[in-house]
Protein backbone atom coordinates (compact mmCIF):
# COMPACT_ATOMS: atom_id res chain seq x y z
CA MET A 1 0.20 -0.17 -0.05
CA ILE A 2 1.38 3.19 -1.22
CA GLU A 3 0.99 6.14 1.86
CA SER A 4 0.56 9.24 0.97
CA ALA A 5 2.41 12.21 1.17
CA PRO A 6 1.55 14.46 4.16
CA THR A 7 -0.43 17.29 4.49
CA ALA A 8 0.25 20.89 5.52
CA THR A 9 -2.07 19.95 8.58
CA ALA A 10 -0.26 17.24 9.71
CA GLN A 11 3.05 19.19 8.89
CA LEU A 12 1.63 21.70 11.39
CA ASP A 13 0.39 19.26 14.42
CA TRP A 14 4.36 18.10 14.01
CA ILE A 15 5.76 21.90 14.74
CA VAL A 16 3.28 22.16 17.16
CA SER A 17 4.50 18.93 18.80
CA ALA A 18 8.10 19.85 18.13
CA SER A 19 7.52 23.03 19.77
CA THR A 20 6.54 20.98 22.90
CA ARG A 21 10.13 18.90 22.87
CA SER A 22 13.05 20.80 21.07
CA PRO A 23 15.51 20.12 20.89
CA LEU A 24 14.51 17.55 18.11
CA PRO A 25 17.45 15.17 16.79
CA ASP A 26 18.50 16.56 13.77
CA GLN A 27 17.23 12.71 11.37
CA GLU A 28 13.87 13.92 12.38
CA ILE A 29 13.85 17.40 11.35
CA ARG A 30 15.53 16.04 8.21
CA ASP A 31 12.31 13.72 7.49
CA HIS A 32 9.92 16.85 8.16
CA LEU A 33 11.74 19.65 6.17
CA ALA A 34 12.60 19.94 2.80
CA SER A 35 16.10 20.60 2.37
CA GLY A 36 15.70 24.39 0.97
CA LEU A 37 14.09 25.01 4.19
CA LEU A 38 16.99 22.96 6.11
CA ASP A 39 19.31 25.11 4.60
CA ALA A 40 17.85 28.93 4.63
CA SER A 41 17.33 27.68 8.82
CA SER A 42 21.02 27.19 8.92
CA GLY A 43 20.41 23.29 9.24
CA ALA A 44 19.06 21.23 12.37
CA ASP A 45 20.37 23.18 14.68
CA GLY A 46 19.57 26.66 13.46
CA PHE A 47 16.11 25.06 13.28
CA ASN A 48 16.35 24.06 16.93
CA ALA A 49 16.93 27.59 18.16
CA ALA A 50 14.41 28.41 16.25
CA LEU A 51 11.53 26.54 18.09
CA MET A 52 13.80 26.83 21.30
CA ARG A 53 13.31 31.15 20.89
CA ILE A 54 9.46 30.68 20.05
CA GLY A 55 8.67 27.58 23.09
CA ARG A 56 5.61 25.79 23.28
CA LEU A 57 2.74 26.31 20.68
CA VAL A 58 -0.65 25.11 21.32
CA VAL A 59 -3.05 25.70 17.87
CA GLY A 60 -6.36 27.78 18.53
CA GLU A 61 -8.11 28.19 15.27
CA ILE A 62 -7.36 26.83 11.67
CA VAL A 63 -8.26 30.02 9.58
CA ALA A 64 -7.76 28.85 6.24
CA ALA A 65 -6.40 24.61 4.82
CA ARG A 66 -5.77 22.96 1.97
CA PRO A 67 -3.26 19.89 0.96
CA ASP A 68 -0.17 21.82 0.56
CA PHE A 69 -1.14 24.67 2.75
CA VAL A 70 -2.57 25.76 6.13
CA GLN A 71 -2.98 28.49 8.28
CA ALA A 72 -3.94 28.84 11.97
CA ALA A 73 -3.66 30.73 14.87
CA VAL A 74 -1.46 29.55 17.21
CA HIS A 75 -0.85 30.31 21.10
CA GLY A 76 3.15 30.48 22.37
CA ASP A 77 5.01 31.39 25.45
CA THR A 78 6.17 34.41 23.90
CA GLY A 79 3.39 35.45 22.41
CA ASN A 80 -0.15 34.59 19.67
CA TYR A 81 0.98 33.98 16.20
CA LEU A 82 -0.49 33.48 12.74
CA VAL A 83 1.66 31.05 11.32
CA THR A 84 1.26 29.96 7.59
CA VAL A 85 2.83 25.92 6.36
CA ARG A 86 3.47 25.02 3.15
CA THR A 87 4.46 21.66 1.99
CA ASN A 88 5.99 20.29 -1.51
CA THR A 89 4.55 17.38 -3.33
CA ALA A 90 6.66 15.35 -1.16
CA GLY A 91 4.74 16.84 1.90
CA LEU A 92 7.77 18.03 3.01
CA ILE A 93 7.63 21.50 4.44
CA GLU A 94 8.91 23.81 2.49
CA GLU A 95 7.80 27.41 4.17
CA VAL A 96 6.97 28.15 7.56
CA ARG A 97 6.11 31.97 8.76
CA LEU A 98 5.33 33.60 11.73
CA THR A 99 3.09 37.09 12.09
CA THR A 100 2.28 38.73 15.48
CA ASP A 101 -1.62 37.80 15.62
CA VAL A 102 -1.67 41.62 16.86
CA PRO A 103 -3.32 44.77 15.65
CA PRO A 104 -0.98 46.69 13.73
CA PRO A 105 -0.51 50.27 14.74
CA ALA A 106 -3.18 52.43 13.62
CA SER A 107 -0.64 55.95 13.57
CA TRP A 108 2.21 56.89 12.78
CA ALA A 109 2.80 57.71 16.53
CA GLU A 110 2.35 54.48 17.77
CA ILE A 111 4.77 53.01 15.12
CA ASP A 112 7.56 55.32 16.75
CA THR A 113 6.62 54.05 19.85
CA GLN A 114 7.41 50.38 18.49
CA LEU A 115 10.43 51.57 16.58
CA ALA A 116 11.88 53.06 19.99
CA ARG A 117 11.26 49.31 21.62
CA LEU A 118 13.82 48.31 18.71
CA GLY A 119 17.14 49.69 20.14
CA ARG A 120 19.06 52.86 19.40
CA ARG A 121 20.46 52.27 15.94
CA VAL A 122 17.08 52.22 14.07
CA SER A 123 16.50 53.60 11.08
CA PHE A 124 13.04 53.68 9.42
CA ALA A 125 11.17 55.20 6.17
CA ALA A 126 7.59 54.90 4.59
CA ALA A 127 7.34 56.04 1.08
CA GLU A 128 5.42 56.54 -1.73
CA ILE A 129 7.11 56.03 -5.03
CA GLU A 130 5.41 58.55 -7.19
CA PRO A 131 5.10 58.59 -11.13
CA ASP A 132 8.53 60.24 -11.77
CA ASP A 133 10.47 57.31 -9.20
CA HIS A 134 10.94 59.75 -6.72
CA CYS A 135 10.72 58.60 -3.29
CA ARG A 136 8.37 60.34 -1.08
CA ILE A 137 9.29 59.93 2.64
CA VAL A 138 5.64 59.82 3.77
CA HIS A 139 7.40 59.11 7.87
CA GLY A 140 10.88 57.95 8.97
CA LEU A 141 13.19 57.66 11.76
CA ASN A 142 16.41 58.13 10.78
CA PRO A 143 15.60 57.92 7.04
CA ASP A 144 19.21 59.19 5.39
CA THR A 145 20.98 57.14 8.24
CA LEU A 146 23.66 54.35 6.69
CA ARG A 147 23.21 51.44 8.70
CA PRO A 148 24.99 47.42 7.72
CA ILE A 149 22.14 46.11 6.06
CA GLY A 150 23.06 42.14 5.23
CA SER A 151 21.87 40.51 2.11
CA ALA A 152 19.63 43.31 1.64
CA PHE A 153 22.64 44.30 -0.63
CA LYS A 154 21.27 41.39 -3.36
CA LEU A 155 19.14 43.99 -4.77
CA TYR A 156 21.82 46.44 -6.37
CA VAL A 157 22.99 42.84 -7.84
CA LEU A 158 20.04 42.30 -8.89
CA GLY A 159 19.72 46.03 -10.59
CA ALA A 160 23.27 45.22 -12.48
CA LEU A 161 22.04 41.73 -13.84
CA ALA A 162 19.05 43.49 -14.89
CA ARG A 163 20.29 46.50 -16.75
CA ALA A 164 22.76 43.89 -18.61
CA VAL A 165 19.99 42.56 -20.01
CA ALA A 166 18.50 46.45 -20.74
CA GLU A 167 21.54 46.95 -22.64
CA GLY A 168 22.13 43.57 -24.39
CA ARG A 169 24.89 42.51 -22.93
CA VAL A 170 23.21 39.29 -21.47
CA GLY A 171 20.12 37.52 -20.90
CA TRP A 172 17.80 35.86 -18.53
CA ASP A 173 18.07 32.64 -20.08
CA GLU A 174 21.32 32.49 -20.81
CA ARG A 175 23.31 29.87 -18.89
CA LEU A 176 25.52 29.87 -16.56
CA ALA A 177 27.56 27.17 -15.47
CA ILE A 178 28.51 26.32 -11.54
CA ARG A 179 32.35 26.44 -11.24
CA ASP A 180 33.82 25.21 -7.42
CA ASP A 181 35.85 28.29 -6.83
CA TRP A 182 32.46 30.72 -7.27
CA LYS A 183 31.02 28.58 -4.86
CA SER A 184 29.98 30.22 -1.49
CA LEU A 185 28.57 29.21 2.54
CA PRO A 186 24.57 28.85 2.91
CA SER A 187 22.38 30.41 2.71
CA GLY A 188 21.12 28.70 -0.23
CA THR A 189 21.24 25.46 -1.82
CA MET A 190 23.33 26.08 -5.09
CA GLN A 191 26.40 25.67 -3.43
CA ASN A 192 25.48 21.46 -3.58
CA ARG A 193 25.42 21.23 -7.23
CA PRO A 194 27.94 20.17 -9.18
CA ALA A 195 30.53 22.47 -10.79
CA GLY A 196 29.80 22.49 -14.25
CA ALA A 197 26.24 22.09 -14.03
CA THR A 198 24.48 25.43 -15.72
CA ALA A 199 21.37 27.21 -14.89
CA SER A 200 19.75 30.58 -16.21
CA LEU A 201 20.19 33.23 -15.06
CA ALA A 202 16.57 34.00 -13.80
CA GLU A 203 17.19 30.85 -11.85
CA TYR A 204 20.48 32.11 -10.36
CA ALA A 205 18.24 35.86 -9.68
CA GLU A 206 15.60 33.73 -7.95
CA LEU A 207 17.56 32.10 -5.45
CA MET A 208 19.63 34.76 -4.84
CA ILE A 209 16.75 36.96 -3.96
CA SER A 210 13.88 34.41 -2.57
CA ILE A 211 16.39 32.27 -0.68
CA SER A 212 19.10 34.76 -0.38
CA ASP A 213 21.50 32.24 -2.21
CA ASN A 214 24.97 33.25 -1.81
CA THR A 215 26.27 31.05 -4.08
CA ALA A 216 23.73 32.43 -6.46
CA THR A 217 25.09 35.45 -5.75
CA ASP A 218 28.55 35.54 -6.03
CA HIS A 219 28.20 34.22 -9.57
CA LEU A 220 26.72 36.94 -10.50
CA ILE A 221 28.93 39.26 -9.33
CA HIS A 222 32.08 37.82 -11.14
CA GLN A 223 29.83 37.07 -14.04
CA LEU A 224 28.80 40.90 -14.26
CA GLY A 225 31.73 42.38 -13.02
CA ARG A 226 32.65 44.19 -9.44
CA ASP A 227 32.57 47.44 -11.01
CA ALA A 228 28.97 46.38 -12.54
CA VAL A 229 27.72 46.17 -9.14
CA GLU A 230 29.21 49.09 -7.74
CA ARG A 231 28.14 51.21 -10.77
CA GLN A 232 24.51 50.33 -10.09
CA LEU A 233 24.69 51.61 -6.69
CA ARG A 234 25.08 55.12 -8.55
CA LEU A 235 22.80 54.55 -10.78
CA PHE A 236 19.88 53.71 -8.28
CA GLY A 237 20.99 56.91 -6.46
CA HIS A 238 22.59 55.65 -3.44
CA ARG A 239 24.33 58.70 -1.29
CA GLN A 240 27.54 57.38 -0.47
CA PRO A 241 28.09 54.28 -2.85
CA ASP A 242 32.20 54.77 -1.70
CA THR A 243 31.22 52.82 1.24
CA ASN A 244 30.71 49.46 -0.46
CA THR A 245 33.54 49.82 -2.41
CA PRO A 246 35.25 47.58 -3.17
CA PHE A 247 32.32 45.69 -3.53
CA LEU A 248 32.02 42.68 -1.11
CA THR A 249 31.39 39.10 -2.74
CA THR A 250 29.57 36.64 -0.34
CA LYS A 251 32.46 34.45 -0.51
CA ALA A 252 35.02 37.44 1.44
CA PHE A 253 32.29 38.04 3.80
CA PHE A 254 32.57 34.94 4.95
CA GLN A 255 36.67 34.86 5.11
CA LEU A 256 36.86 37.77 6.81
CA LYS A 257 34.60 36.86 9.49
CA GLY A 258 34.82 33.43 9.72
CA ASN A 259 38.27 33.02 9.56
CA SER A 260 40.14 30.96 12.40
CA ASP A 261 42.77 33.97 11.56
CA THR A 262 41.22 36.67 13.84
CA THR A 263 43.57 39.25 12.55
CA CYS A 264 42.51 38.51 8.18
CA ALA A 265 39.86 41.21 9.63
CA GLN A 266 42.05 43.80 11.16
CA ARG A 267 44.60 43.01 8.59
CA TYR A 268 42.11 44.23 5.40
CA LEU A 269 40.56 47.33 6.95
CA ALA A 270 44.21 48.37 7.61
CA LEU A 271 44.25 48.74 3.81
CA SER A 272 43.29 51.58 1.46
CA PRO A 273 40.42 51.05 -0.47
CA HIS A 274 42.93 50.13 -3.79
CA ASP A 275 44.40 47.21 -1.73
CA ARG A 276 41.37 46.27 -1.03
CA VAL A 277 40.53 45.03 -3.94
CA ALA A 278 43.74 42.75 -4.33
CA ALA A 279 42.84 41.80 -0.67
CA LEU A 280 39.80 40.37 -1.31
CA GLU A 281 40.64 38.58 -5.02
CA GLN A 282 43.02 37.04 -2.55
CA LEU A 283 40.54 36.01 -0.28
CA GLU A 284 38.13 34.54 -2.90
CA TYR A 285 40.26 32.59 -4.36
CA ARG A 286 41.64 30.38 -1.28
CA PRO A 287 39.38 27.45 0.10
CA LEU A 288 36.06 28.50 2.00
CA PRO A 289 36.32 27.94 6.13
CA ASP A 290 35.03 24.91 7.72
CA LEU A 291 32.51 27.30 9.43
CA GLN A 292 29.97 25.16 11.18
CA GLU A 293 27.66 28.39 12.22
CA THR A 294 28.11 31.75 12.28
CA TRP A 295 30.13 33.78 14.73
CA PRO A 296 27.92 34.18 17.94
CA GLU A 297 28.58 38.18 18.69
CA PRO A 298 28.79 41.13 15.93
CA LYS A 299 31.49 41.78 14.23
CA HIS A 300 32.99 44.37 12.72
CA ILE A 301 29.69 44.61 11.43
CA ASP A 302 29.82 49.15 10.56
CA GLN A 303 32.99 48.00 8.79
CA ILE A 304 32.88 44.92 6.76
CA GLU A 305 29.52 44.67 5.51
CA TRP A 306 27.36 46.32 2.52
CA PHE A 307 25.51 49.85 3.42
CA ALA A 308 22.33 51.59 2.80
CA ALA A 309 19.88 54.14 4.26
CA PRO A 310 16.01 53.47 4.19
CA THR A 311 16.11 56.16 1.61
CA ASP A 312 18.97 54.46 -0.63
CA ILE A 313 16.60 51.24 -0.62
CA CYS A 314 13.37 52.84 -1.82
CA HIS A 315 15.54 54.22 -4.64
CA ALA A 316 16.54 50.67 -5.50
CA PHE A 317 13.16 49.75 -5.85
CA ALA A 318 11.91 52.41 -7.71
CA GLY A 319 15.04 51.47 -9.85
CA LEU A 320 13.64 47.81 -10.28
CA ALA A 321 10.67 48.69 -11.09
CA GLN A 322 11.32 51.29 -13.65
CA PHE A 323 13.01 47.85 -15.67
CA ASP A 324 9.64 46.86 -15.92
CA GLN A 325 11.27 43.36 -16.59
CA PRO A 326 8.98 40.28 -15.27
CA GLU A 327 11.90 38.43 -13.70
CA ILE A 328 12.61 40.80 -11.48
CA GLY A 329 8.71 41.16 -9.95
CA HIS A 330 8.89 37.14 -10.03
CA ALA A 331 12.24 36.80 -7.92
CA LEU A 332 10.98 39.59 -5.12
CA SER A 333 7.63 38.24 -4.90
CA GLN A 334 8.41 34.69 -4.03
CA LYS A 335 8.01 35.06 0.21
CA ASP A 336 7.35 38.27 2.29
CA GLU A 337 8.84 36.18 5.12
CA GLY A 338 5.30 36.28 6.81
CA LEU A 339 4.09 39.60 6.48
CA ASN A 340 0.92 38.63 4.98
CA LEU A 341 -0.43 41.95 3.65
CA ASP A 342 -4.20 41.32 2.61
CA THR A 343 -3.97 40.97 -1.68
CA ARG A 344 -7.12 42.56 -1.98
CA GLN A 345 -5.62 45.61 -0.99
CA PHE A 346 -2.35 44.97 -1.97
CA PRO A 347 -2.06 42.49 -5.14
CA THR A 348 1.91 42.74 -5.50
CA VAL A 349 4.11 42.54 -2.72
CA TRP A 350 8.22 42.33 -3.19
CA TYR A 351 10.51 41.64 -0.55
CA LYS A 352 14.32 41.54 0.83
CA GLY A 353 16.33 41.34 3.74
CA GLY A 354 19.00 40.83 5.02
CA SER A 355 21.06 39.47 9.18
CA GLU A 356 24.08 38.78 10.62
CA PRO A 357 24.86 38.85 14.73
CA GLY A 358 23.84 42.68 15.05
CA VAL A 359 21.89 43.61 12.13
CA VAL A 360 18.31 42.65 11.20
CA THR A 361 17.08 44.37 8.00
CA LEU A 362 13.42 44.12 6.63
CA HIS A 363 12.50 45.69 3.16
CA TYR A 364 9.43 45.98 1.00
CA LEU A 365 7.14 47.55 -2.07
CA ALA A 366 3.60 47.02 -2.16
CA ARG A 367 1.24 47.93 -4.88
CA THR A 368 -1.81 48.90 -4.33
CA THR A 369 -5.48 48.09 -6.18
CA ASP A 370 -5.51 51.70 -7.06
CA ASP A 371 -2.24 51.32 -8.84
CA ARG A 372 0.06 53.37 -6.58
CA THR A 373 3.39 51.81 -4.94
CA LEU A 374 4.55 51.97 -2.15
CA ALA A 375 7.44 51.41 -0.04
CA THR A 376 9.46 50.16 3.62
CA SER A 377 12.84 50.19 5.04
CA LEU A 378 13.86 48.94 8.87
CA MET A 379 16.96 48.71 9.71
CA VAL A 380 18.09 47.80 12.97
CA SER A 381 21.75 47.21 14.54
CA ASP A 382 23.83 47.05 17.51
CA PRO A 383 27.71 46.80 17.12
CA HIS A 384 28.00 44.93 20.97
CA THR A 385 24.97 42.57 21.37
CA THR A 386 23.05 39.78 19.25
CA LEU A 387 19.93 40.48 17.92
CA ASP A 388 17.25 37.80 18.65
CA THR A 389 16.58 37.70 14.85
CA LEU A 390 12.82 36.50 15.58
CA SER A 391 11.77 39.25 17.91
CA VAL A 392 13.31 42.12 15.89
CA THR A 393 11.54 40.77 12.80
CA LEU A 394 8.25 40.10 13.96
CA ALA A 395 8.17 43.59 15.68
CA GLY A 396 9.51 44.89 12.42
CA GLN A 397 6.72 43.53 10.53
CA SER A 398 3.77 44.56 13.12
CA VAL A 399 5.40 48.23 12.17
CA ILE A 400 5.63 47.67 8.57
CA ARG A 401 2.01 46.39 8.17
CA GLY A 402 0.69 49.08 9.97
CA ALA A 403 3.29 51.75 7.94
CA PHE A 404 1.76 50.42 4.64
CA HIS A 405 -1.90 50.88 5.55
CA LEU A 406 -1.50 54.23 6.88
CA LEU A 407 0.33 54.95 3.57
CA ALA A 408 -2.50 53.40 1.46
CA HIS A 409 -4.92 55.48 3.49
CA ALA A 410 -2.68 59.04 3.20
CA ARG A 411 -2.55 61.52 0.14
């Protein structure tokens, strides 16, 4: 007798049960999670850590369900949530999203109060992208202040690719072969593919954005050229593009921050910008560090990172939208990280975030049914203390959800 694949509801039941038993054995987690989600969670250890942060869960009400999708209200030790679970054709969990199940802030004053709770180093902007692609900031907190942005830098790589397509230098269907020397560490799955295997540039872009695939990102940077990405910062109107010069690949980033030689980063920072280019090329040639997990505390987040202000991110979204290439919207709309805006009011939502110890950033574009384009950008960082990524993300999404509703009703 052939057993049917587990339904999303059955997998939700497993997650609830698992929340009372964590940490779970590695094999049990692998029996329930699809490989993409496992990699995005930083492996079984990362999934266990997330379960332990959330605490015990109890299902309150099933909001919507079908075989491959379930959404339910759950109560937990750390709060009330709306949880969404999606499964693949094999019944494995390919997506789990948590959203704080509380009313979003209903005024800009309430948003400011919630932002103040996130820490001292917070930048935020809520904007409307006007027909001339100008970002009109409706409300902000330090909206022009430069912050580390983590993987949100991949918006600029996507922009450089879109420009190369627009200029006829490459095509979205063009195939690019995997190279071992261009592979990076997770997040992502492309590092697991054999050298010589090919994928279209559209697939590289989708993986770079949707699951923040670092190997896909580095292949695009090498293929397009570091100078093309640095040029895109300026073309998108970044106010301080030189803070990202020379532009880091993720492999160089891991070499600098995950290297067993703790003086590596200090030697790099002592170099002139010109000499740093050669240093990065040497780092990118070396084998990847044996990094079992990320560093536990913030490391040089104000010196070795990618940097932008919320207004810069809004300009990047505006620039990406201006290309009017379907592949861009496809890549950016695959996941919303649990924002759960009402699709009847916001039929299109783009998302890219970024994080490392001490850094959490969330960036969204949403189009309304009356054809307005809105954008929000939230950046939180602390150079001395590791942030609770889940808590900051849930609190930040509450702010962002409220901001989009306020923007939609503002004129």
